[in-house]
Protein backbone atom coordinates (compact mmCIF):
# COMPACT_ATOMS: atom_id res chain seq x y z
CA MET A 1 -12.15 12.40 -4.39
CA THR A 2 -13.85 9.61 -2.47
CA ASN A 3 -11.63 7.75 0.01
CA TYR A 4 -12.02 4.80 2.34
CA GLY A 5 -10.83 6.73 5.38
CA THR A 6 -10.85 10.33 6.53
CA VAL A 7 -8.25 12.74 7.89
CA ASP A 8 -9.91 12.54 11.32
CA GLY A 9 -9.98 8.74 11.09
CA GLY A 10 -6.28 8.70 10.23
CA ASP A 11 -5.51 11.01 13.15
CA ASN A 12 -7.33 8.61 15.47
CA TYR A 13 -5.67 5.55 13.91
CA PHE A 14 -2.16 6.94 14.42
CA LEU A 15 -2.96 8.05 17.98
CA ASN A 16 -3.47 4.37 18.80
CA THR A 17 -0.74 2.85 16.60
CA LEU A 18 3.05 2.88 16.61
CA GLY A 19 4.54 4.87 13.78
CA GLY A 20 2.71 7.53 11.82
CA GLU A 21 5.28 10.26 12.37
CA ALA A 22 4.90 11.57 8.81
CA TRP A 23 1.11 11.58 9.15
CA THR A 24 1.22 13.40 12.48
CA ALA A 25 3.59 16.08 11.12
CA ALA A 26 1.53 16.73 7.97
CA THR A 27 -1.13 19.39 7.45
CA ASP A 28 -4.74 18.34 6.89
CA SER A 29 -4.35 19.26 3.22
CA GLN A 30 -1.26 17.04 2.88
CA LYS A 31 -3.05 14.21 4.68
CA GLN A 32 -6.00 14.48 2.29
CA GLN A 33 -3.69 14.34 -0.74
CA ALA A 34 -1.93 11.31 0.72
CA LEU A 35 -5.30 9.61 1.29
CA ASN A 36 -6.19 10.35 -2.35
CA ASP A 37 -2.93 8.79 -3.53
CA ALA A 38 -3.42 5.78 -1.24
CA THR A 39 -6.95 5.27 -2.56
CA THR A 40 -5.65 5.42 -6.13
CA LEU A 41 -3.10 2.72 -5.31
CA ILE A 42 -5.66 0.47 -3.61
CA GLU A 43 -8.05 0.86 -6.54
CA GLN A 44 -5.46 -0.43 -9.04
CA TYR A 45 -5.82 -4.04 -7.91
CA SER A 46 -8.38 -6.69 -8.89
CA TYR A 47 -10.46 -7.94 -5.97
CA LYS A 48 -12.55 -11.07 -5.43
CA GLY A 49 -16.26 -10.79 -6.10
CA GLU A 50 -18.24 -7.81 -7.28
CA LYS A 51 -18.93 -4.38 -5.84
CA ALA A 52 -21.80 -4.40 -3.37
CA GLU A 53 -23.57 -1.71 -5.44
CA ASP A 54 -23.05 -1.05 -9.15
CA SER A 55 -23.14 2.70 -8.48
CA GLN A 56 -20.40 2.78 -5.81
CA LEU A 57 -17.26 4.65 -6.79
CA LEU A 58 -14.70 2.47 -4.99
CA ALA A 59 -13.96 -1.26 -5.06
CA PHE A 60 -15.18 -1.83 -1.49
CA PRO A 61 -17.47 -2.96 -0.01
CA ARG A 62 -17.81 -6.16 -2.07
CA ASN A 63 -20.91 -8.36 -2.39
CA GLY A 64 -21.74 -9.92 0.95
CA MET A 65 -20.05 -7.14 2.94
CA ASP A 66 -22.06 -4.71 5.03
CA ALA A 67 -19.26 -2.13 5.04
CA VAL A 68 -15.71 -1.47 3.92
CA PRO A 69 -13.44 -3.88 5.84
CA GLN A 70 -11.39 -2.19 8.55
CA ASP A 71 -8.25 -3.76 7.01
CA VAL A 72 -8.82 -1.75 3.83
CA ILE A 73 -9.27 1.50 5.75
CA TYR A 74 -6.17 0.82 7.87
CA SER A 75 -4.22 -0.05 4.72
CA GLU A 76 -5.17 3.32 3.27
CA TYR A 77 -3.87 5.12 6.37
CA GLU A 78 -0.61 3.15 6.35
CA ILE A 79 -0.06 3.78 2.63
CA ALA A 80 -0.86 7.49 3.08
CA ASP A 81 1.69 7.71 5.90
CA ARG A 82 4.34 6.12 3.66
CA TYR A 83 3.55 8.58 0.85
CA LEU A 84 3.91 11.47 3.32
CA ASP A 85 7.26 10.00 4.37
CA GLY A 86 8.50 10.13 0.75
CA TRP A 87 7.77 6.55 -0.31
CA ASP A 88 7.98 6.04 -4.06
CA PRO A 89 6.30 2.78 -5.10
CA ASP A 90 8.30 2.64 -8.32
CA ALA A 91 11.64 2.98 -6.53
CA ASP A 92 11.02 -0.18 -4.47
CA ILE A 93 10.60 -2.41 -7.52
CA THR A 94 13.63 -1.16 -9.43
CA PRO A 95 16.07 -3.99 -10.15
CA GLY A 96 19.38 -3.45 -8.42
CA ASN A 97 18.04 -3.20 -4.89
CA VAL A 98 20.76 -3.52 -2.28
CA ARG A 99 21.87 -7.02 -1.48
CA ARG A 100 25.72 -7.07 -1.26
CA ARG A 101 28.72 -4.86 -2.15
CA LYS A 102 32.12 -4.86 -0.45
CA MET A 103 34.00 -1.66 0.32
CA GLY A 104 36.88 -2.38 2.66
CA PRO A 105 35.45 -4.07 5.74
CA ILE A 106 31.88 -3.08 4.77
CA GLU A 107 29.95 -5.49 2.58
CA THR A 108 26.56 -4.87 0.94
CA GLU A 109 24.79 -7.22 -1.48
CA TYR A 110 22.72 -6.12 -4.50
CA VAL A 111 20.04 -7.95 -6.47
CA THR A 112 21.53 -7.84 -9.94
CA SER A 113 19.35 -10.31 -11.77
CA GLY A 114 16.60 -7.72 -12.23
CA LYS A 115 14.01 -10.32 -11.26
CA VAL A 116 11.05 -9.03 -9.31
CA GLU A 117 10.70 -12.52 -7.79
CA ASN A 118 13.81 -11.78 -5.70
CA LEU A 119 11.96 -9.02 -3.85
CA PRO A 120 9.73 -9.51 -0.79
CA LEU A 121 6.08 -10.23 -1.66
CA HIS A 122 4.78 -6.83 -0.58
CA LEU A 123 7.23 -5.14 -2.96
CA GLN A 124 6.38 -7.55 -5.78
CA TRP A 125 2.79 -6.39 -5.39
CA GLY A 126 3.80 -2.71 -5.19
CA LEU A 127 2.77 -2.24 -1.56
CA PRO A 128 4.84 -0.36 1.04
CA THR A 129 4.82 -2.84 3.95
CA ARG A 130 4.14 -6.46 4.83
CA LYS A 131 1.38 -5.25 7.16
CA VAL A 132 -0.50 -3.61 4.26
CA PHE A 133 0.12 -6.65 2.06
CA ASN A 134 -1.24 -8.98 4.75
CA TRP A 135 -4.36 -6.83 5.17
CA LEU A 136 -5.15 -6.54 1.43
CA TYR A 137 -3.96 -9.88 0.08
CA PRO A 138 -7.01 -11.91 1.21
CA TYR A 139 -9.19 -9.72 -1.04
CA PHE A 140 -6.99 -9.99 -4.15
CA VAL A 141 -8.06 -12.11 -7.09
CA GLN A 142 -5.75 -15.13 -6.96
CA GLN A 143 -3.91 -16.07 -10.13
CA SER A 144 -1.07 -18.45 -10.82
CA ASP A 145 1.13 -15.44 -11.45
CA HIS A 146 1.25 -12.34 -9.24
CA LEU A 147 -0.96 -9.45 -10.19
CA LYS A 148 1.07 -6.40 -10.97
CA ARG A 149 0.21 -2.83 -10.05
CA VAL A 150 -0.79 -0.67 -12.99
CA SER A 151 1.28 2.51 -13.15
């Protein structure tokens, strides 16, 4: 499969970035699978503009870009790390996320309305972190309603 980043690139990224424990502990084969899954997730969104070349396999680079933006490559590494850490994108958008419940002196609150709008933006868009959302969001096609990830 074609990816935006490489295993070596991810190793270098996490050497210079906080976090990445799951990436660092994984085998090269596991890292490659996580990159494949991260690419698949990134490719499920609609992006502004057109592909730079009709024949390119991935969404980036777009017209007017000389190369794949570093934000997209870094997003792939961050998503891959979350997959390696057991992140399940479908679990984050399940209604009933913790908000509040009281058990003796301990109180936790749950979102019970089942409305995705009650979740943070990165979860509404099916992304693992605000950092990844902030990196990818400028490239998303803007609509009056949020784009939803295709499962």
